[in-house]
Amino acid sequence: MSRPEPPNPAPPSPEPPSNSVPSNSVPAERLTRCMQALHRLASGRMMGTLQHDLQGEDVSFTQMTALYKVRALAPISITALSEHLGVSLPATSQLIQELVRRELLERRENPENRREKLLALSGKGQDFVTVREKNIMGAYSEVFGRVAPETLGRAEEALSALIAEAQAQKQTQQQAQQVQLAAERAAFKESV
C-alpha cells in the first residue's frame, strides 16, 4: 500500500541547514516535507492571529519567544535565555525587566549561585502563553475540521508514537548532558 504524497510538497533544498536531518534519512525528510505542507495550510491564519494578539497586548515577537523559551526551560538563567534567543545579554536584561514589570515573568535568586538570577513564568505569564497557544492552535483545528475522521485517527496515532519517541530521545540526551556536566564539574574541582 503506497502512501499518498503531501499536497504541494516543498522541493528539497540542495544543501540542508546544519540543524536539519541527515541527508540519508529519507523517512525523516519526507515527514519534514509533510509537516511543512501542513504548516503552510495553517500558518496564514496562525501568524495573523499571533500578530493581532501581540499588537493588542503590546508584546513584541522577541518577548513572546522569550516567554515560550522560559516556559520550556524554566528555571533558566538570564545568560542561558540570552543564548537561546540569540540576543545580547543587555538586550535580554531589558526584555526581562519589561516582562517582570508586566508580571509575566518572575525573577528569583539562584539558591546555588546568589549572583545569578533564574527566570520562570508567573501565573499571569502562564495564562498569557496558554491563551496565545490556544489561539494559534485554532488554525490547525480549522484545517483538521475539513479532514475525514478516519484520516485524523490514523494521523493522531502516528503523531502520538512520534512524539513519545522524540520525547524519550530528548530525555536520554538531557540525561547524558547532565552526566557529562557533572563529570566536568568534578574534574574542575579536582584541578583547583
Protein backbone atom coordinates (compact mmCIF):
# COMPACT_ATOMS: atom_id res chain seq x y z
CA MET A 1 0.00 0.00 0.00
CA SER A 2 1.63 3.25 -1.10
CA ARG A 3 1.43 6.45 0.87
CA PRO A 4 -0.05 9.50 -0.83
CA GLU A 5 2.31 12.41 -1.29
CA PRO A 6 1.57 15.53 0.74
CA PRO A 7 -0.12 18.36 -1.14
CA ASN A 8 2.36 20.72 -2.80
CA PRO A 9 5.45 19.39 -1.04
CA ALA A 10 8.33 21.81 -0.98
CA PRO A 11 11.23 20.73 -3.17
CA PRO A 12 14.21 19.52 -1.17
CA SER A 13 16.87 22.16 -0.76
CA PRO A 14 20.24 21.38 -2.35
CA GLU A 15 22.14 21.79 0.92
CA PRO A 16 20.15 21.28 4.11
CA PRO A 17 20.88 23.60 7.03
CA SER A 18 23.28 22.25 9.63
CA ASN A 19 20.42 21.62 12.10
CA SER A 20 18.39 19.53 9.63
CA VAL A 21 18.12 15.76 9.49
CA PRO A 22 20.98 13.78 7.92
CA SER A 23 20.66 13.55 4.14
CA ASN A 24 20.46 9.74 4.31
CA SER A 25 17.32 9.89 6.45
CA VAL A 26 14.71 9.66 3.70
CA PRO A 27 11.74 8.96 6.01
CA ALA A 28 12.65 11.96 8.17
CA GLU A 29 12.94 14.17 5.09
CA ARG A 30 9.56 13.00 3.81
CA LEU A 31 7.95 13.67 7.18
CA THR A 32 9.59 17.09 7.31
CA ARG A 33 8.08 17.94 3.91
CA CYS A 34 4.68 16.72 5.12
CA MET A 35 4.94 18.87 8.25
CA GLN A 36 5.98 21.84 6.12
CA ALA A 37 2.92 21.36 3.87
CA LEU A 38 0.67 21.09 6.93
CA HIS A 39 2.23 24.18 8.48
CA ARG A 40 1.69 26.11 5.25
CA LEU A 41 -2.00 25.24 5.35
CA ALA A 42 -2.32 26.72 8.84
CA SER A 43 0.39 29.38 9.00
CA GLY A 44 -1.51 32.25 7.37
CA ARG A 45 -4.23 32.19 10.00
CA MET A 46 -1.75 31.31 12.73
CA MET A 47 0.56 34.27 12.08
CA GLY A 48 -2.36 36.67 11.61
CA THR A 49 -3.81 35.59 14.94
CA LEU A 50 -0.44 35.89 16.68
CA GLN A 51 0.22 39.33 15.20
CA HIS A 52 -3.24 40.56 16.27
CA ASP A 53 -2.78 39.13 19.78
CA LEU A 54 0.69 40.60 20.25
CA GLN A 55 -0.30 44.03 18.97
CA GLY A 56 -3.34 44.06 21.23
CA GLU A 57 -1.20 43.18 24.23
CA ASP A 58 1.76 45.37 23.17
CA VAL A 59 4.15 42.40 23.25
CA SER A 60 6.97 42.05 20.73
CA PHE A 61 7.71 38.81 18.91
CA THR A 62 11.03 38.56 20.80
CA GLN A 63 9.22 38.96 24.12
CA MET A 64 6.75 36.24 23.12
CA THR A 65 9.63 33.97 22.08
CA ALA A 66 11.27 34.63 25.45
CA LEU A 67 8.07 33.62 27.27
CA TYR A 68 7.90 30.35 25.31
CA LYS A 69 11.60 29.64 25.97
CA VAL A 70 11.20 30.34 29.69
CA ARG A 71 8.17 28.07 29.84
CA ALA A 72 10.09 25.27 28.14
CA LEU A 73 13.35 25.65 30.05
CA ALA A 74 12.44 27.10 33.47
CA PRO A 75 14.14 27.71 35.71
CA ILE A 76 16.57 29.34 33.28
CA SER A 77 19.29 31.90 33.89
CA ILE A 78 19.31 35.24 32.11
CA THR A 79 22.56 34.28 30.35
CA ALA A 80 21.12 30.99 29.11
CA LEU A 81 17.95 32.73 27.88
CA SER A 82 20.11 35.28 26.05
CA GLU A 83 21.94 32.43 24.30
CA HIS A 84 18.69 30.65 23.38
CA LEU A 85 17.21 33.85 21.96
CA GLY A 86 20.38 34.83 20.11
CA VAL A 87 20.11 38.30 21.65
CA SER A 88 22.78 40.23 23.54
CA LEU A 89 22.81 39.99 27.33
CA PRO A 90 21.98 43.71 27.80
CA ALA A 91 19.04 43.43 25.37
CA THR A 92 17.83 40.28 27.13
CA SER A 93 18.08 42.01 30.50
CA GLN A 94 15.92 44.88 29.24
CA LEU A 95 13.41 42.47 27.75
CA ILE A 96 13.22 40.55 31.04
CA GLN A 97 12.87 43.73 33.06
CA GLU A 98 9.80 44.70 31.00
CA LEU A 99 8.24 41.22 31.29
CA VAL A 100 8.85 41.21 35.06
CA ARG A 101 7.34 44.72 35.33
CA ARG A 102 4.26 43.45 33.49
CA GLU A 103 4.15 40.46 35.87
CA LEU A 104 4.54 37.89 33.07
CA LEU A 105 7.90 36.62 34.38
CA GLU A 106 9.30 36.02 37.86
CA ARG A 107 12.98 36.58 38.59
CA ARG A 108 14.48 34.77 41.58
CA GLU A 109 17.88 34.29 43.09
CA ASN A 110 19.58 31.01 42.20
CA PRO A 111 19.99 29.15 45.52
CA GLU A 112 23.21 27.56 44.21
CA ASN A 113 24.72 30.85 42.97
CA ARG A 114 23.42 34.00 44.65
CA ARG A 115 24.87 36.22 41.89
CA GLU A 116 22.72 34.50 39.26
CA LYS A 117 19.01 35.12 38.70
CA LEU A 118 16.63 32.43 37.49
CA LEU A 119 13.51 33.05 35.46
CA ALA A 120 10.12 31.35 35.40
CA LEU A 121 6.69 32.28 34.13
CA SER A 122 4.40 33.89 36.66
CA GLY A 123 0.81 32.68 36.90
CA LYS A 124 -0.21 35.62 34.71
CA GLY A 125 2.58 34.74 32.25
CA GLN A 126 1.45 31.11 32.09
CA ASP A 127 -2.11 32.24 31.38
CA PHE A 128 -0.88 34.66 28.73
CA VAL A 129 1.11 31.98 26.89
CA THR A 130 -1.70 29.43 27.19
CA VAL A 131 -4.24 31.80 25.61
CA ARG A 132 -1.86 32.66 22.74
CA GLU A 133 -1.14 28.97 22.18
CA LYS A 134 -4.86 28.11 22.07
CA ASN A 135 -5.43 30.88 19.54
CA ILE A 136 -2.55 29.64 17.38
CA MET A 137 -3.73 26.02 17.61
CA GLY A 138 -7.11 27.16 16.35
CA ALA A 139 -5.50 27.40 12.91
CA TYR A 140 -4.74 23.68 12.99
CA SER A 141 -8.26 22.92 14.24
CA GLU A 142 -9.62 24.81 11.27
CA VAL A 143 -7.52 22.73 8.84
CA PHE A 144 -8.31 19.44 10.61
CA GLY A 145 -12.03 20.23 10.67
CA ARG A 146 -12.09 19.65 6.91
CA VAL A 147 -10.44 16.19 7.09
CA ALA A 148 -12.14 12.79 7.34
CA PRO A 149 -12.31 11.39 10.90
CA GLU A 150 -10.58 8.14 9.83
CA THR A 151 -7.61 10.10 8.44
CA LEU A 152 -7.43 12.17 11.62
CA GLY A 153 -7.44 9.00 13.76
CA ARG A 154 -4.53 7.48 11.82
CA ALA A 155 -2.62 10.76 11.96
CA GLU A 156 -3.17 11.08 15.71
CA GLU A 157 -1.92 7.56 16.32
CA ALA A 158 1.20 8.09 14.21
CA LEU A 159 1.96 11.51 15.70
CA SER A 160 1.47 10.22 19.26
CA ALA A 161 4.06 7.50 18.62
CA LEU A 162 6.40 10.03 17.02
CA ILE A 163 6.08 12.46 19.94
CA ALA A 164 6.64 9.72 22.53
CA GLU A 165 9.81 8.56 20.80
CA ALA A 166 11.12 12.10 20.28
CA GLN A 167 10.49 12.95 23.95
CA ALA A 168 12.28 9.79 25.08
CA GLN A 169 15.26 10.66 22.85
CA LYS A 170 15.33 14.20 24.22
CA GLN A 171 15.23 12.93 27.80
CA THR A 172 18.07 10.49 27.11
CA GLN A 173 20.12 13.29 25.55
CA GLN A 174 19.47 15.61 28.52
CA GLN A 175 20.49 12.90 30.98
CA ALA A 176 23.73 12.30 29.06
CA GLN A 177 24.42 16.04 29.10
CA GLN A 178 23.82 16.19 32.86
CA VAL A 179 26.21 13.28 33.42
CA GLN A 180 28.84 14.98 31.26
CA LEU A 181 28.37 18.30 33.06
CA ALA A 182 28.69 16.60 36.47
CA ALA A 183 31.90 14.90 35.32
CA GLU A 184 33.29 18.21 34.06
CA ARG A 185 32.44 19.92 37.37
CA ALA A 186 34.09 17.11 39.34
CA ALA A 187 37.20 17.31 37.14
CA PHE A 188 37.32 21.07 37.61
CA LYS A 189 37.01 20.78 41.41
CA GLU A 190 39.85 18.27 41.45
CA SER A 191 42.09 20.55 39.40
CA VAL A 192 41.58 23.51 41.75
